[in-house]
Amino acid sequence: MAKKRKKKWIQKAIKKPGALRKTLGVKKGQKIPEKKLAAAAKKPGVTGQRARLAQTLRRMPKRRR
């Protein structure tokens, strides 16, 4: 049997890097505040989807080098 390859779903999920930061009005190089991200996650549409994905990615462990 062939080994299953791990799918890189995160790379495919982020279509436009920096779009959430731009819509929330956070300057480049700064972190998005937790409260601002939570408020955006409640919104419908693309902005809400991006915010919810950002919350999910924030909870994921950092990759060890």
C-alpha atoms as a PDB file:
ATOM      1  CA  MET A   1       0.000   0.000   0.000  1.00  0.00           C
ATOM      2  CA  ALA A   2       1.139   3.506  -0.762  1.00  0.00           C
ATOM      3  CA  LYS A   3       1.664   5.901   2.105  1.00  0.00           C
ATOM      4  CA  LYS A   4      -0.807   8.719   2.421  1.00  0.00           C
ATOM      5  CA  ARG A   5       0.707  12.135   1.923  1.00  0.00           C
ATOM      6  CA  LYS A   6      -0.124  14.805   4.430  1.00  0.00           C
ATOM      7  CA  LYS A   7      -2.200  17.469   2.778  1.00  0.00           C
ATOM      8  CA  LYS A   8      -1.120  21.063   3.190  1.00  0.00           C
ATOM      9  CA  TRP A   9      -4.580  22.459   3.874  1.00  0.00           C
ATOM     10  CA  ILE A  10      -3.353  25.598   5.615  1.00  0.00           C
ATOM     11  CA  GLN A  11      -1.451  26.824   2.564  1.00  0.00           C
ATOM     12  CA  LYS A  12      -4.533  26.277   0.407  1.00  0.00           C
ATOM     13  CA  ALA A  13      -6.884  27.888   2.940  1.00  0.00           C
ATOM     14  CA  ILE A  14      -5.024  31.204   2.981  1.00  0.00           C
ATOM     15  CA  LYS A  15      -5.779  32.661  -0.433  1.00  0.00           C
ATOM     16  CA  LYS A  16      -4.926  36.305   0.276  1.00  0.00           C
ATOM     17  CA  PRO A  17      -2.315  36.755   3.021  1.00  0.00           C
ATOM     18  CA  GLY A  18      -2.754  40.030   4.908  1.00  0.00           C
ATOM     19  CA  ALA A  19      -6.357  40.592   3.815  1.00  0.00           C
ATOM     20  CA  LEU A  20      -7.781  40.159   7.326  1.00  0.00           C
ATOM     21  CA  ARG A  21      -5.228  42.560   8.774  1.00  0.00           C
ATOM     22  CA  LYS A  22      -6.088  45.123   6.114  1.00  0.00           C
ATOM     23  CA  THR A  23      -9.862  44.897   6.675  1.00  0.00           C
ATOM     24  CA  LEU A  24      -9.438  45.167  10.457  1.00  0.00           C
ATOM     25  CA  GLY A  25      -7.142  48.188  10.124  1.00  0.00           C
ATOM     26  CA  VAL A  26      -4.115  46.706  11.890  1.00  0.00           C
ATOM     27  CA  LYS A  27      -0.722  47.913  10.717  1.00  0.00           C
ATOM     28  CA  LYS A  28       1.682  45.489   9.082  1.00  0.00           C
ATOM     29  CA  GLY A  29       4.051  43.869  11.560  1.00  0.00           C
ATOM     30  CA  GLN A  30       1.656  44.140  14.524  1.00  0.00           C
ATOM     31  CA  LYS A  31      -0.454  41.351  15.989  1.00  0.00           C
ATOM     32  CA  ILE A  32      -4.225  41.508  15.684  1.00  0.00           C
ATOM     33  CA  PRO A  33      -5.696  42.033  19.184  1.00  0.00           C
ATOM     34  CA  GLU A  34      -7.671  39.078  20.577  1.00  0.00           C
ATOM     35  CA  LYS A  35     -10.838  41.128  21.182  1.00  0.00           C
ATOM     36  CA  LYS A  36     -10.795  42.583  17.682  1.00  0.00           C
ATOM     37  CA  LEU A  37     -10.349  39.103  16.209  1.00  0.00           C
ATOM     38  CA  ALA A  38     -13.215  37.712  18.313  1.00  0.00           C
ATOM     39  CA  ALA A  39     -15.527  40.521  17.194  1.00  0.00           C
ATOM     40  CA  ALA A  40     -14.626  39.926  13.539  1.00  0.00           C
ATOM     41  CA  ALA A  41     -15.221  36.170  13.916  1.00  0.00           C
ATOM     42  CA  LYS A  42     -18.878  36.849  14.748  1.00  0.00           C
ATOM     43  CA  LYS A  43     -19.407  38.703  11.469  1.00  0.00           C
ATOM     44  CA  PRO A  44     -20.843  36.863   8.463  1.00  0.00           C
ATOM     45  CA  GLY A  45     -19.105  36.588   5.118  1.00  0.00           C
ATOM     46  CA  VAL A  46     -15.479  36.422   4.098  1.00  0.00           C
ATOM     47  CA  THR A  47     -14.183  38.600   6.944  1.00  0.00           C
ATOM     48  CA  GLY A  48     -15.796  36.315   9.508  1.00  0.00           C
ATOM     49  CA  GLN A  49     -14.381  33.237   7.817  1.00  0.00           C
ATOM     50  CA  ARG A  50     -10.887  34.694   7.786  1.00  0.00           C
ATOM     51  CA  ALA A  51     -11.149  35.678  11.449  1.00  0.00           C
ATOM     52  CA  ARG A  52     -12.354  32.203  12.469  1.00  0.00           C
ATOM     53  CA  LEU A  53      -9.486  30.608  10.549  1.00  0.00           C
ATOM     54  CA  ALA A  54      -7.046  32.981  12.272  1.00  0.00           C
ATOM     55  CA  GLN A  55      -8.413  31.921  15.665  1.00  0.00           C
ATOM     56  CA  THR A  56      -7.992  28.254  14.719  1.00  0.00           C
ATOM     57  CA  LEU A  57      -4.433  28.774  13.503  1.00  0.00           C
ATOM     58  CA  ARG A  58      -3.560  30.706  16.666  1.00  0.00           C
ATOM     59  CA  ARG A  59      -4.481  27.674  18.792  1.00  0.00           C
ATOM     60  CA  MET A  60      -2.331  25.316  16.721  1.00  0.00           C
ATOM     61  CA  PRO A  61       1.160  24.551  18.052  1.00  0.00           C
ATOM     62  CA  LYS A  62       4.119  26.256  16.442  1.00  0.00           C
ATOM     63  CA  ARG A  63       6.279  24.045  14.241  1.00  0.00           C
ATOM     64  CA  ARG A  64       9.596  23.070  15.742  1.00  0.00           C
ATOM     65  CA  ARG A  65      12.709  23.793  13.712  1.00  0.00           C
END
